[in-house]
Amino acid sequence: MFKQFIVSIVLSVIAFSAHAVECGKVTIADMNWDSATFVANVDSFILQHGFGCKTQLVPSETVLAAKSILMQGKPDIIPEIRRNALQGGLEHGIEKDKIKFVGKVLYEGGLEGFWVPEYMVEKEPSLATIEGIRKHAYLFKRSDLGNKMPFFNCSPNLRCQNAVKHLFTALNLKQVGFELTPTDNVTGLSGSIAHAYAKKLPWIGYYWSPTAVLGFYKMVRIDFNSGTHREYFNECIDKPVCKNPKVTMFPPHAVDTVVTTQFAQRAPAIIDYLAARRFSNQDMNQLMAWKVSHNANGEQMMVRFLSQYESQWTQWVSPQVANKVRQALADKE
């Protein structure tokens, strides 16, 4: 019995050592926005303590990381990247078998749309739909703005202005009294939401997710009941000129994890983890809001997530890996 026990211990050590050797050194892009640096830190901690990898976070940004992984084969992992920001560059890398998409960071994708405060929908549930918005447009009169009905546009010089303008027209919002209202910048747009929330005022306009703002302020994305027509959106709605625009929801943006083909071949267990690892927009909004409230960094966001969302991340890994991560987290705290 004792001999069998010793043998099992030895085999476990050998298996772990082989696993660590297989993983080896892993470079991970630490991108320069909140959600991406958070995901990079989560991946680094789980790979290091759960899989025995030697991880290195490499500061980067979208274009630099894409060029580096395509031309130099480094970093091994870009935890979060948006395909639409690179205009097909990554697809070329896939065709050349240099890189692989291995997971969706946000399983819903990055979301854009027209939003209203949750407190308005709680009072009038039909405001969650465009039909309800048009029927009850009078609910959006702002006494603090001379009874005007502002529809808050996205910031000037941003591409989203094209889609907002065309969909505002297609949805006949001007005909029921709304005025397309510019905002000076992103801060002005988010500030208009904060101001409305503080006084429980009506608000309707464009916004996107995930963001800390939607973590602080609960908003409901309006359903146009039109479905999503990605090709039409890209070819017309998203362009400066779109004659006789038709209604479509904003298509979600793919938010993916990219690895080098070489890394995928040498570390299949890590690829399985990355394929399973994904977040909801709601959770990401809340984590980003927590970061702002606590003036935290990506590492502190990681600790918060692993501590408070255990039921989620333990589904991404084996029980053995989960136990190692728990122990490392306990030692860190």
C-alpha atoms as a PDB file:
ATOM      1  CA  MET A   1       0.000   0.000   0.000  1.00  0.00           C
ATOM      2  CA  PHE A   2       2.779   2.394   0.984  1.00  0.00           C
ATOM      3  CA  LYS A   3       4.679   1.469  -2.170  1.00  0.00           C
ATOM      4  CA  GLN A   4       1.646   2.252  -4.317  1.00  0.00           C
ATOM      5  CA  PHE A   5       1.293   5.594  -2.541  1.00  0.00           C
ATOM      6  CA  ILE A   6       4.934   6.484  -3.277  1.00  0.00           C
ATOM      7  CA  VAL A   7       4.520   5.460  -6.917  1.00  0.00           C
ATOM      8  CA  SER A   8       1.441   7.658  -7.303  1.00  0.00           C
ATOM      9  CA  ILE A   9       3.321  10.616  -5.807  1.00  0.00           C
ATOM     10  CA  VAL A  10       6.238  10.110  -8.178  1.00  0.00           C
ATOM     11  CA  LEU A  11       3.948   9.798 -11.196  1.00  0.00           C
ATOM     12  CA  SER A  12       2.125  12.990 -10.205  1.00  0.00           C
ATOM     13  CA  VAL A  13       5.412  14.883  -9.934  1.00  0.00           C
ATOM     14  CA  ILE A  14       6.569  13.549 -13.293  1.00  0.00           C
ATOM     15  CA  ALA A  15       3.251  14.476 -14.912  1.00  0.00           C
ATOM     16  CA  PHE A  16       3.387  17.993 -13.490  1.00  0.00           C
ATOM     17  CA  SER A  17       7.011  18.450 -14.561  1.00  0.00           C
ATOM     18  CA  ALA A  18       6.232  17.269 -18.080  1.00  0.00           C
ATOM     19  CA  HIS A  19       3.279  19.639 -18.187  1.00  0.00           C
ATOM     20  CA  ALA A  20       5.436  22.568 -17.090  1.00  0.00           C
ATOM     21  CA  VAL A  21       8.128  21.727 -19.641  1.00  0.00           C
ATOM     22  CA  GLU A  22       5.477  21.517 -22.366  1.00  0.00           C
ATOM     23  CA  CYS A  23       4.213  24.975 -21.414  1.00  0.00           C
ATOM     24  CA  GLY A  24       7.596  26.622 -20.852  1.00  0.00           C
ATOM     25  CA  LYS A  25       7.952  30.375 -21.246  1.00  0.00           C
ATOM     26  CA  VAL A  26       4.847  32.195 -22.461  1.00  0.00           C
ATOM     27  CA  THR A  27       4.729  35.828 -23.582  1.00  0.00           C
ATOM     28  CA  ILE A  28       1.352  37.541 -23.199  1.00  0.00           C
ATOM     29  CA  ALA A  29       0.408  40.923 -24.682  1.00  0.00           C
ATOM     30  CA  ASP A  30      -0.695  43.368 -21.985  1.00  0.00           C
ATOM     31  CA  MET A  31      -2.772  45.781 -24.048  1.00  0.00           C
ATOM     32  CA  ASN A  32      -3.366  49.414 -23.115  1.00  0.00           C
ATOM     33  CA  TRP A  33      -7.052  49.367 -22.186  1.00  0.00           C
ATOM     34  CA  ASP A  34      -8.802  48.191 -19.034  1.00  0.00           C
ATOM     35  CA  SER A  35     -10.542  44.997 -20.119  1.00  0.00           C
ATOM     36  CA  ALA A  36      -7.494  43.757 -22.037  1.00  0.00           C
ATOM     37  CA  THR A  37      -4.975  44.298 -19.231  1.00  0.00           C
ATOM     38  CA  PHE A  38      -7.396  42.568 -16.867  1.00  0.00           C
ATOM     39  CA  VAL A  39      -7.704  39.498 -19.118  1.00  0.00           C
ATOM     40  CA  ALA A  40      -3.932  39.409 -19.634  1.00  0.00           C
ATOM     41  CA  ASN A  41      -3.388  39.301 -15.879  1.00  0.00           C
ATOM     42  CA  VAL A  42      -5.989  36.548 -15.444  1.00  0.00           C
ATOM     43  CA  ASP A  43      -4.316  34.465 -18.144  1.00  0.00           C
ATOM     44  CA  SER A  44      -0.858  35.072 -16.711  1.00  0.00           C
ATOM     45  CA  PHE A  45      -1.854  34.033 -13.187  1.00  0.00           C
ATOM     46  CA  ILE A  46      -3.742  30.903 -14.245  1.00  0.00           C
ATOM     47  CA  LEU A  47      -1.039  29.810 -16.685  1.00  0.00           C
ATOM     48  CA  GLN A  48       1.735  30.399 -14.172  1.00  0.00           C
ATOM     49  CA  HIS A  49       0.156  28.861 -11.095  1.00  0.00           C
ATOM     50  CA  GLY A  50      -2.284  26.404 -12.633  1.00  0.00           C
ATOM     51  CA  PHE A  51      -0.280  25.088 -15.575  1.00  0.00           C
ATOM     52  CA  GLY A  52       3.299  25.691 -14.433  1.00  0.00           C
ATOM     53  CA  CYS A  53       4.156  28.152 -17.207  1.00  0.00           C
ATOM     54  CA  LYS A  54       6.730  30.909 -16.888  1.00  0.00           C
ATOM     55  CA  THR A  55       4.714  33.916 -18.038  1.00  0.00           C
ATOM     56  CA  GLN A  56       5.815  37.378 -19.110  1.00  0.00           C
ATOM     57  CA  LEU A  57       3.419  40.278 -19.670  1.00  0.00           C
ATOM     58  CA  VAL A  58       4.528  42.438 -22.603  1.00  0.00           C
ATOM     59  CA  PRO A  59       3.077  45.997 -22.736  1.00  0.00           C
ATOM     60  CA  SER A  60       1.531  46.634 -26.145  1.00  0.00           C
ATOM     61  CA  GLU A  61      -1.342  48.098 -28.156  1.00  0.00           C
ATOM     62  CA  THR A  62      -3.481  46.860 -31.031  1.00  0.00           C
ATOM     63  CA  VAL A  63      -1.425  47.660 -34.134  1.00  0.00           C
ATOM     64  CA  LEU A  64       1.947  46.978 -32.488  1.00  0.00           C
ATOM     65  CA  ALA A  65       0.819  43.613 -31.114  1.00  0.00           C
ATOM     66  CA  ALA A  66      -0.684  42.557 -34.447  1.00  0.00           C
ATOM     67  CA  LYS A  67       2.475  43.456 -36.371  1.00  0.00           C
ATOM     68  CA  SER A  68       4.682  41.709 -33.838  1.00  0.00           C
ATOM     69  CA  ILE A  69       2.744  38.450 -33.777  1.00  0.00           C
ATOM     70  CA  LEU A  70       2.538  38.334 -37.585  1.00  0.00           C
ATOM     71  CA  MET A  71       6.128  39.328 -38.353  1.00  0.00           C
ATOM     72  CA  GLN A  72       8.089  38.035 -35.344  1.00  0.00           C
ATOM     73  CA  GLY A  73       5.877  35.297 -33.940  1.00  0.00           C
ATOM     74  CA  LYS A  74       5.690  37.064 -30.573  1.00  0.00           C
ATOM     75  CA  PRO A  75       3.944  37.438 -28.222  1.00  0.00           C
ATOM     76  CA  ASP A  76       2.620  33.894 -27.918  1.00  0.00           C
ATOM     77  CA  ILE A  77      -0.807  35.142 -26.825  1.00  0.00           C
ATOM     78  CA  ILE A  78      -2.813  38.299 -27.472  1.00  0.00           C
ATOM     79  CA  PRO A  79      -5.613  37.798 -24.926  1.00  0.00           C
ATOM     80  CA  GLU A  80      -7.962  40.460 -26.319  1.00  0.00           C
ATOM     81  CA  ILE A  81      -8.040  41.954 -29.777  1.00  0.00           C
ATOM     82  CA  ARG A  82     -10.830  43.375 -31.932  1.00  0.00           C
ATOM     83  CA  ARG A  83     -10.807  42.192 -35.516  1.00  0.00           C
ATOM     84  CA  ASN A  84     -12.636  45.263 -36.819  1.00  0.00           C
ATOM     85  CA  ALA A  85      -9.769  47.488 -35.635  1.00  0.00           C
ATOM     86  CA  LEU A  86      -7.293  45.845 -38.006  1.00  0.00           C
ATOM     87  CA  GLN A  87      -9.218  45.718 -41.307  1.00  0.00           C
ATOM     88  CA  GLY A  88      -8.460  42.123 -42.203  1.00  0.00           C
ATOM     89  CA  GLY A  89      -4.791  42.027 -41.210  1.00  0.00           C
ATOM     90  CA  LEU A  90      -5.262  39.110 -38.837  1.00  0.00           C
ATOM     91  CA  GLU A  91      -7.211  37.087 -41.396  1.00  0.00           C
ATOM     92  CA  HIS A  92      -4.141  37.283 -43.641  1.00  0.00           C
ATOM     93  CA  GLY A  93      -2.103  35.768 -40.817  1.00  0.00           C
ATOM     94  CA  ILE A  94      -4.574  32.896 -40.541  1.00  0.00           C
ATOM     95  CA  GLU A  95      -4.347  32.230 -44.267  1.00  0.00           C
ATOM     96  CA  LYS A  96      -0.555  32.006 -43.917  1.00  0.00           C
ATOM     97  CA  ASP A  97      -0.996  29.684 -40.893  1.00  0.00           C
ATOM     98  CA  LYS A  98       0.956  32.050 -38.648  1.00  0.00           C
ATOM     99  CA  ILE A  99      -1.774  32.625 -36.067  1.00  0.00           C
ATOM    100  CA  LYS A 100      -5.027  31.140 -34.811  1.00  0.00           C
ATOM    101  CA  PHE A 101      -8.149  32.541 -33.197  1.00  0.00           C
ATOM    102  CA  VAL A 102      -8.693  30.298 -30.186  1.00  0.00           C
ATOM    103  CA  GLY A 103     -11.356  31.916 -28.038  1.00  0.00           C
ATOM    104  CA  LYS A 104     -13.928  34.662 -27.615  1.00  0.00           C
ATOM    105  CA  VAL A 105     -13.109  37.000 -24.745  1.00  0.00           C
ATOM    106  CA  LEU A 106     -16.673  38.354 -24.782  1.00  0.00           C
ATOM    107  CA  TYR A 107     -19.130  35.650 -25.769  1.00  0.00           C
ATOM    108  CA  GLU A 108     -21.682  38.303 -26.796  1.00  0.00           C
ATOM    109  CA  GLY A 109     -19.044  40.342 -28.594  1.00  0.00           C
ATOM    110  CA  GLY A 110     -18.512  44.059 -28.077  1.00  0.00           C
ATOM    111  CA  LEU A 111     -21.922  45.738 -28.175  1.00  0.00           C
ATOM    112  CA  GLU A 112     -23.073  49.086 -29.553  1.00  0.00           C
ATOM    113  CA  GLY A 113     -26.569  50.457 -29.657  1.00  0.00           C
ATOM    114  CA  PHE A 114     -29.164  52.932 -28.485  1.00  0.00           C
ATOM    115  CA  TRP A 115     -29.738  52.782 -24.735  1.00  0.00           C
ATOM    116  CA  VAL A 116     -32.140  54.033 -22.070  1.00  0.00           C
ATOM    117  CA  PRO A 117     -31.786  53.971 -18.257  1.00  0.00           C
ATOM    118  CA  GLU A 118     -33.086  50.882 -16.513  1.00  0.00           C
ATOM    119  CA  TYR A 119     -35.228  53.026 -14.208  1.00  0.00           C
ATOM    120  CA  MET A 120     -37.243  54.237 -17.208  1.00  0.00           C
ATOM    121  CA  VAL A 121     -37.832  50.673 -18.430  1.00  0.00           C
ATOM    122  CA  GLU A 122     -38.909  49.606 -14.945  1.00  0.00           C
ATOM    123  CA  LYS A 123     -41.669  52.234 -15.078  1.00  0.00           C
ATOM    124  CA  GLU A 124     -42.597  51.572 -18.723  1.00  0.00           C
ATOM    125  CA  PRO A 125     -41.327  48.152 -19.944  1.00  0.00           C
ATOM    126  CA  SER A 126     -42.147  48.889 -23.593  1.00  0.00           C
ATOM    127  CA  LEU A 127     -39.260  51.387 -23.658  1.00  0.00           C
ATOM    128  CA  ALA A 128     -36.990  48.384 -24.151  1.00  0.00           C
ATOM    129  CA  THR A 129     -38.244  48.315 -27.761  1.00  0.00           C
ATOM    130  CA  ILE A 130     -38.183  50.927 -30.505  1.00  0.00           C
ATOM    131  CA  GLU A 131     -41.973  50.710 -30.837  1.00  0.00           C
ATOM    132  CA  GLY A 132     -42.315  51.643 -27.171  1.00  0.00           C
ATOM    133  CA  ILE A 133     -39.855  54.505 -27.607  1.00  0.00           C
ATOM    134  CA  ARG A 134     -41.880  56.009 -30.446  1.00  0.00           C
ATOM    135  CA  LYS A 135     -45.218  55.437 -28.696  1.00  0.00           C
ATOM    136  CA  HIS A 136     -44.050  57.002 -25.433  1.00  0.00           C
ATOM    137  CA  ALA A 137     -41.644  59.587 -26.829  1.00  0.00           C
ATOM    138  CA  TYR A 138     -43.205  62.245 -24.582  1.00  0.00           C
ATOM    139  CA  LEU A 139     -41.567  60.520 -21.592  1.00  0.00           C
ATOM    140  CA  PHE A 140     -38.212  61.827 -22.824  1.00  0.00           C
ATOM    141  CA  LYS A 141     -39.033  65.530 -22.525  1.00  0.00           C
ATOM    142  CA  ARG A 142     -36.392  67.236 -20.413  1.00  0.00           C
ATOM    143  CA  SER A 143     -37.729  70.015 -18.220  1.00  0.00           C
ATOM    144  CA  ASP A 144     -34.133  71.054 -17.518  1.00  0.00           C
ATOM    145  CA  LEU A 145     -33.644  71.553 -21.281  1.00  0.00           C
ATOM    146  CA  GLY A 146     -36.782  73.506 -22.101  1.00  0.00           C
ATOM    147  CA  ASN A 147     -38.867  70.355 -22.695  1.00  0.00           C
ATOM    148  CA  LYS A 148     -36.629  69.328 -25.566  1.00  0.00           C
ATOM    149  CA  MET A 149     -36.177  65.624 -26.307  1.00  0.00           C
ATOM    150  CA  PRO A 150     -32.435  65.159 -26.875  1.00  0.00           C
ATOM    151  CA  PHE A 151     -31.037  62.011 -28.423  1.00  0.00           C
ATOM    152  CA  PHE A 152     -27.392  61.977 -27.357  1.00  0.00           C
ATOM    153  CA  ASN A 153     -25.081  61.295 -30.277  1.00  0.00           C
ATOM    154  CA  CYS A 154     -21.639  59.702 -30.120  1.00  0.00           C
ATOM    155  CA  SER A 155     -18.602  61.942 -29.945  1.00  0.00           C
ATOM    156  CA  PRO A 156     -17.632  64.041 -32.992  1.00  0.00           C
ATOM    157  CA  ASN A 157     -15.077  62.729 -35.469  1.00  0.00           C
ATOM    158  CA  LEU A 158     -15.800  59.133 -34.449  1.00  0.00           C
ATOM    159  CA  ARG A 159     -17.017  56.625 -37.000  1.00  0.00           C
ATOM    160  CA  CYS A 160     -20.085  55.773 -34.914  1.00  0.00           C
ATOM    161  CA  GLN A 161     -21.613  59.113 -35.930  1.00  0.00           C
ATOM    162  CA  ASN A 162     -22.376  57.658 -39.362  1.00  0.00           C
ATOM    163  CA  ALA A 163     -24.414  54.774 -37.968  1.00  0.00           C
ATOM    164  CA  VAL A 164     -26.180  56.917 -35.369  1.00  0.00           C
ATOM    165  CA  LYS A 165     -27.209  59.483 -37.996  1.00  0.00           C
ATOM    166  CA  HIS A 166     -28.535  56.891 -40.448  1.00  0.00           C
ATOM    167  CA  LEU A 167     -30.350  54.788 -37.850  1.00  0.00           C
ATOM    168  CA  PHE A 168     -31.858  57.901 -36.251  1.00  0.00           C
ATOM    169  CA  THR A 169     -33.340  58.619 -39.689  1.00  0.00           C
ATOM    170  CA  ALA A 170     -34.387  55.029 -40.423  1.00  0.00           C
ATOM    171  CA  LEU A 171     -36.145  54.721 -37.059  1.00  0.00           C
ATOM    172  CA  ASN A 172     -38.163  57.936 -37.663  1.00  0.00           C
ATOM    173  CA  LEU A 173     -37.079  59.383 -34.336  1.00  0.00           C
ATOM    174  CA  LYS A 174     -37.138  62.978 -35.551  1.00  0.00           C
ATOM    175  CA  GLN A 175     -40.787  62.572 -36.537  1.00  0.00           C
ATOM    176  CA  VAL A 176     -41.774  61.822 -32.926  1.00  0.00           C
ATOM    177  CA  GLY A 177     -39.869  64.786 -31.505  1.00  0.00           C
ATOM    178  CA  PHE A 178     -36.312  63.673 -30.789  1.00  0.00           C
ATOM    179  CA  GLU A 179     -33.407  65.978 -31.607  1.00  0.00           C
ATOM    180  CA  LEU A 180     -30.029  64.503 -32.490  1.00  0.00           C
ATOM    181  CA  THR A 181     -27.820  66.206 -29.903  1.00  0.00           C
ATOM    182  CA  PRO A 182     -24.013  66.334 -30.228  1.00  0.00           C
ATOM    183  CA  THR A 183     -21.641  65.692 -27.344  1.00  0.00           C
ATOM    184  CA  ASP A 184     -18.217  67.324 -27.155  1.00  0.00           C
ATOM    185  CA  ASN A 185     -16.315  64.106 -26.438  1.00  0.00           C
ATOM    186  CA  VAL A 186     -16.574  60.697 -24.784  1.00  0.00           C
ATOM    187  CA  THR A 187     -16.448  62.349 -21.361  1.00  0.00           C
ATOM    188  CA  GLY A 188     -19.364  64.576 -22.309  1.00  0.00           C
ATOM    189  CA  LEU A 189     -21.413  61.597 -23.455  1.00  0.00           C
ATOM    190  CA  SER A 190     -20.745  59.554 -20.325  1.00  0.00           C
ATOM    191  CA  GLY A 191     -21.287  62.673 -18.225  1.00  0.00           C
ATOM    192  CA  SER A 192     -24.764  63.105 -19.704  1.00  0.00           C
ATOM    193  CA  ILE A 193     -25.632  59.595 -18.475  1.00  0.00           C
ATOM    194  CA  ALA A 194     -24.228  60.294 -15.009  1.00  0.00           C
ATOM    195  CA  HIS A 195     -26.175  63.569 -14.788  1.00  0.00           C
ATOM    196  CA  ALA A 196     -29.412  61.898 -15.854  1.00  0.00           C
ATOM    197  CA  TYR A 197     -28.931  59.066 -13.379  1.00  0.00           C
ATOM    198  CA  ALA A 198     -28.198  61.413 -10.479  1.00  0.00           C
ATOM    199  CA  LYS A 199     -31.558  63.140 -10.945  1.00  0.00           C
ATOM    200  CA  LYS A 200     -33.485  60.221 -12.536  1.00  0.00           C
ATOM    201  CA  LEU A 201     -34.004  62.259 -15.697  1.00  0.00           C
ATOM    202  CA  PRO A 202     -34.981  60.831 -19.097  1.00  0.00           C
ATOM    203  CA  TRP A 203     -32.067  59.834 -21.320  1.00  0.00           C
ATOM    204  CA  ILE A 204     -31.725  58.150 -24.699  1.00  0.00           C
ATOM    205  CA  GLY A 205     -28.696  57.897 -26.930  1.00  0.00           C
ATOM    206  CA  TYR A 206     -25.782  55.930 -28.293  1.00  0.00           C
ATOM    207  CA  TYR A 207     -23.347  53.978 -26.136  1.00  0.00           C
ATOM    208  CA  TRP A 208     -21.284  50.805 -26.161  1.00  0.00           C
ATOM    209  CA  SER A 209     -20.263  47.906 -23.946  1.00  0.00           C
ATOM    210  CA  PRO A 210     -18.193  46.867 -22.111  1.00  0.00           C
ATOM    211  CA  THR A 211     -17.387  50.098 -20.290  1.00  0.00           C
ATOM    212  CA  ALA A 212     -17.081  51.204 -16.688  1.00  0.00           C
ATOM    213  CA  VAL A 213     -19.956  53.633 -17.312  1.00  0.00           C
ATOM    214  CA  LEU A 214     -22.404  50.779 -17.886  1.00  0.00           C
ATOM    215  CA  GLY A 215     -21.046  49.150 -14.747  1.00  0.00           C
ATOM    216  CA  PHE A 216     -21.923  52.240 -12.716  1.00  0.00           C
ATOM    217  CA  TYR A 217     -25.238  52.972 -14.423  1.00  0.00           C
ATOM    218  CA  LYS A 218     -27.651  50.224 -15.413  1.00  0.00           C
ATOM    219  CA  MET A 219     -28.800  50.793 -18.970  1.00  0.00           C
ATOM    220  CA  VAL A 220     -31.021  48.806 -21.346  1.00  0.00           C
ATOM    221  CA  ARG A 221     -30.118  48.392 -25.003  1.00  0.00           C
ATOM    222  CA  ILE A 222     -33.157  49.131 -27.171  1.00  0.00           C
ATOM    223  CA  ASP A 223     -34.358  46.288 -29.389  1.00  0.00           C
ATOM    224  CA  PHE A 224     -35.149  47.530 -32.911  1.00  0.00           C
ATOM    225  CA  ASN A 225     -36.998  44.252 -33.667  1.00  0.00           C
ATOM    226  CA  SER A 226     -35.215  44.229 -37.001  1.00  0.00           C
ATOM    227  CA  GLY A 227     -32.570  41.583 -36.547  1.00  0.00           C
ATOM    228  CA  THR A 228     -28.930  42.260 -37.344  1.00  0.00           C
ATOM    229  CA  HIS A 229     -27.844  42.636 -40.953  1.00  0.00           C
ATOM    230  CA  ARG A 230     -24.064  42.838 -40.740  1.00  0.00           C
ATOM    231  CA  GLU A 231     -23.337  43.159 -44.464  1.00  0.00           C
ATOM    232  CA  TYR A 232     -25.850  45.974 -44.962  1.00  0.00           C
ATOM    233  CA  PHE A 233     -24.600  47.730 -41.828  1.00  0.00           C
ATOM    234  CA  ASN A 234     -21.004  47.607 -43.045  1.00  0.00           C
ATOM    235  CA  GLU A 235     -21.789  48.606 -46.632  1.00  0.00           C
ATOM    236  CA  CYS A 236     -24.293  51.391 -45.958  1.00  0.00           C
ATOM    237  CA  ILE A 237     -25.202  52.282 -42.361  1.00  0.00           C
ATOM    238  CA  ASP A 238     -21.564  52.598 -41.289  1.00  0.00           C
ATOM    239  CA  LYS A 239     -20.627  54.827 -44.250  1.00  0.00           C
ATOM    240  CA  PRO A 240     -20.787  58.646 -44.414  1.00  0.00           C
ATOM    241  CA  VAL A 241     -23.495  58.413 -47.096  1.00  0.00           C
ATOM    242  CA  CYS A 242     -26.336  55.870 -46.961  1.00  0.00           C
ATOM    243  CA  LYS A 243     -29.357  56.655 -49.143  1.00  0.00           C
ATOM    244  CA  ASN A 244     -32.749  55.667 -47.728  1.00  0.00           C
ATOM    245  CA  PRO A 245     -31.259  53.856 -44.721  1.00  0.00           C
ATOM    246  CA  LYS A 246     -33.037  50.779 -43.398  1.00  0.00           C
ATOM    247  CA  VAL A 247     -33.199  49.566 -39.822  1.00  0.00           C
ATOM    248  CA  THR A 248     -30.716  47.063 -38.444  1.00  0.00           C
ATOM    249  CA  MET A 249     -29.259  46.441 -35.026  1.00  0.00           C
ATOM    250  CA  PHE A 250     -25.585  47.253 -34.563  1.00  0.00           C
ATOM    251  CA  PRO A 251     -23.675  44.019 -35.269  1.00  0.00           C
ATOM    252  CA  PRO A 252     -21.528  42.869 -32.341  1.00  0.00           C
ATOM    253  CA  HIS A 253     -17.767  43.235 -32.708  1.00  0.00           C
ATOM    254  CA  ALA A 254     -15.727  40.068 -32.393  1.00  0.00           C
ATOM    255  CA  VAL A 255     -13.430  40.301 -29.368  1.00  0.00           C
ATOM    256  CA  ASP A 256     -11.031  37.394 -29.685  1.00  0.00           C
ATOM    257  CA  THR A 257      -7.933  35.738 -28.318  1.00  0.00           C
ATOM    258  CA  VAL A 258      -5.113  35.153 -30.808  1.00  0.00           C
ATOM    259  CA  VAL A 259      -2.111  32.849 -30.473  1.00  0.00           C
ATOM    260  CA  THR A 260       0.756  31.891 -32.731  1.00  0.00           C
ATOM    261  CA  THR A 261       0.319  28.600 -34.561  1.00  0.00           C
ATOM    262  CA  GLN A 262       3.592  27.412 -33.057  1.00  0.00           C
ATOM    263  CA  PHE A 263       2.316  28.029 -29.524  1.00  0.00           C
ATOM    264  CA  ALA A 264      -0.978  26.280 -30.290  1.00  0.00           C
ATOM    265  CA  GLN A 265       0.944  23.207 -31.398  1.00  0.00           C
ATOM    266  CA  ARG A 266       3.226  23.030 -28.366  1.00  0.00           C
ATOM    267  CA  ALA A 267       0.657  23.837 -25.657  1.00  0.00           C
ATOM    268  CA  PRO A 268      -2.721  22.237 -26.488  1.00  0.00           C
ATOM    269  CA  ALA A 269      -3.813  22.255 -22.829  1.00  0.00           C
ATOM    270  CA  ILE A 270      -3.430  26.042 -22.744  1.00  0.00           C
ATOM    271  CA  ILE A 271      -5.433  26.353 -25.952  1.00  0.00           C
ATOM    272  CA  ASP A 272      -8.257  24.379 -24.325  1.00  0.00           C
ATOM    273  CA  TYR A 273      -8.216  26.844 -21.419  1.00  0.00           C
ATOM    274  CA  LEU A 274      -8.221  29.886 -23.719  1.00  0.00           C
ATOM    275  CA  ALA A 275     -11.098  28.446 -25.735  1.00  0.00           C
ATOM    276  CA  ALA A 276     -13.158  27.998 -22.560  1.00  0.00           C
ATOM    277  CA  ARG A 277     -12.235  31.348 -20.977  1.00  0.00           C
ATOM    278  CA  ARG A 278     -14.895  33.972 -21.739  1.00  0.00           C
ATOM    279  CA  PHE A 279     -16.750  36.810 -20.031  1.00  0.00           C
ATOM    280  CA  SER A 280     -20.155  38.456 -20.265  1.00  0.00           C
ATOM    281  CA  ASN A 281     -20.467  42.166 -20.997  1.00  0.00           C
ATOM    282  CA  GLN A 282     -22.317  42.629 -17.717  1.00  0.00           C
ATOM    283  CA  ASP A 283     -19.516  41.127 -15.641  1.00  0.00           C
ATOM    284  CA  MET A 284     -16.879  43.053 -17.563  1.00  0.00           C
ATOM    285  CA  ASN A 285     -18.809  46.315 -17.057  1.00  0.00           C
ATOM    286  CA  GLN A 286     -18.940  45.686 -13.310  1.00  0.00           C
ATOM    287  CA  LEU A 287     -15.262  44.778 -13.074  1.00  0.00           C
ATOM    288  CA  MET A 288     -14.261  47.891 -15.003  1.00  0.00           C
ATOM    289  CA  ALA A 289     -16.443  50.039 -12.741  1.00  0.00           C
ATOM    290  CA  TRP A 290     -14.807  48.437  -9.694  1.00  0.00           C
ATOM    291  CA  LYS A 291     -11.393  49.291 -11.159  1.00  0.00           C
ATOM    292  CA  VAL A 292     -12.350  52.952 -11.501  1.00  0.00           C
ATOM    293  CA  SER A 293     -13.902  53.122  -8.021  1.00  0.00           C
ATOM    294  CA  HIS A 294     -10.819  51.615  -6.391  1.00  0.00           C
ATOM    295  CA  ASN A 295      -8.204  53.190  -8.673  1.00  0.00           C
ATOM    296  CA  ALA A 296      -7.044  49.631  -9.294  1.00  0.00           C
ATOM    297  CA  ASN A 297      -4.746  48.111 -11.906  1.00  0.00           C
ATOM    298  CA  GLY A 298      -5.066  44.988 -14.043  1.00  0.00           C
ATOM    299  CA  GLU A 299      -3.462  42.746 -11.425  1.00  0.00           C
ATOM    300  CA  GLN A 300      -5.858  43.946  -8.733  1.00  0.00           C
ATOM    301  CA  MET A 301      -8.792  43.384 -11.093  1.00  0.00           C
ATOM    302  CA  MET A 302      -7.521  39.834 -11.603  1.00  0.00           C
ATOM    303  CA  VAL A 303      -7.422  39.169  -7.856  1.00  0.00           C
ATOM    304  CA  ARG A 304     -10.916  40.597  -7.498  1.00  0.00           C
ATOM    305  CA  PHE A 305     -12.234  38.355 -10.266  1.00  0.00           C
ATOM    306  CA  LEU A 306     -10.576  35.137  -9.100  1.00  0.00           C
ATOM    307  CA  SER A 307     -11.780  35.808  -5.537  1.00  0.00           C
ATOM    308  CA  GLN A 308     -15.357  36.828  -6.310  1.00  0.00           C
ATOM    309  CA  TYR A 309     -16.189  34.883  -9.484  1.00  0.00           C
ATOM    310  CA  GLU A 310     -14.867  31.429  -8.625  1.00  0.00           C
ATOM    311  CA  SER A 311     -17.946  29.661  -9.986  1.00  0.00           C
ATOM    312  CA  GLN A 312     -17.061  31.051 -13.408  1.00  0.00           C
ATOM    313  CA  TRP A 313     -13.331  30.547 -13.814  1.00  0.00           C
ATOM    314  CA  THR A 314     -13.316  27.071 -12.288  1.00  0.00           C
ATOM    315  CA  GLN A 315     -15.406  25.952 -15.269  1.00  0.00           C
ATOM    316  CA  TRP A 316     -12.508  26.843 -17.576  1.00  0.00           C
ATOM    317  CA  VAL A 317      -9.950  24.493 -16.022  1.00  0.00           C
ATOM    318  CA  SER A 318      -9.647  21.043 -14.481  1.00  0.00           C
ATOM    319  CA  PRO A 319     -10.216  20.583 -10.720  1.00  0.00           C
ATOM    320  CA  GLN A 320      -6.470  20.021 -10.287  1.00  0.00           C
ATOM    321  CA  VAL A 321      -5.591  23.293 -12.001  1.00  0.00           C
ATOM    322  CA  ALA A 322      -8.330  25.116 -10.070  1.00  0.00           C
ATOM    323  CA  ASN A 323      -6.890  23.903  -6.747  1.00  0.00           C
ATOM    324  CA  LYS A 324      -3.419  25.178  -7.658  1.00  0.00           C
ATOM    325  CA  VAL A 325      -4.843  28.570  -8.627  1.00  0.00           C
ATOM    326  CA  ARG A 326      -6.834  28.760  -5.376  1.00  0.00           C
ATOM    327  CA  GLN A 327      -3.719  28.016  -3.336  1.00  0.00           C
ATOM    328  CA  ALA A 328      -1.655  30.616  -5.183  1.00  0.00           C
ATOM    329  CA  LEU A 329      -4.436  33.159  -4.719  1.00  0.00           C
ATOM    330  CA  ALA A 330      -4.617  32.409  -0.984  1.00  0.00           C
ATOM    331  CA  ASP A 331      -0.845  32.863  -0.707  1.00  0.00           C
ATOM    332  CA  LYS A 332      -1.087  36.168  -2.576  1.00  0.00           C
ATOM    333  CA  GLU A 333      -3.874  37.525  -0.398  1.00  0.00           C
END
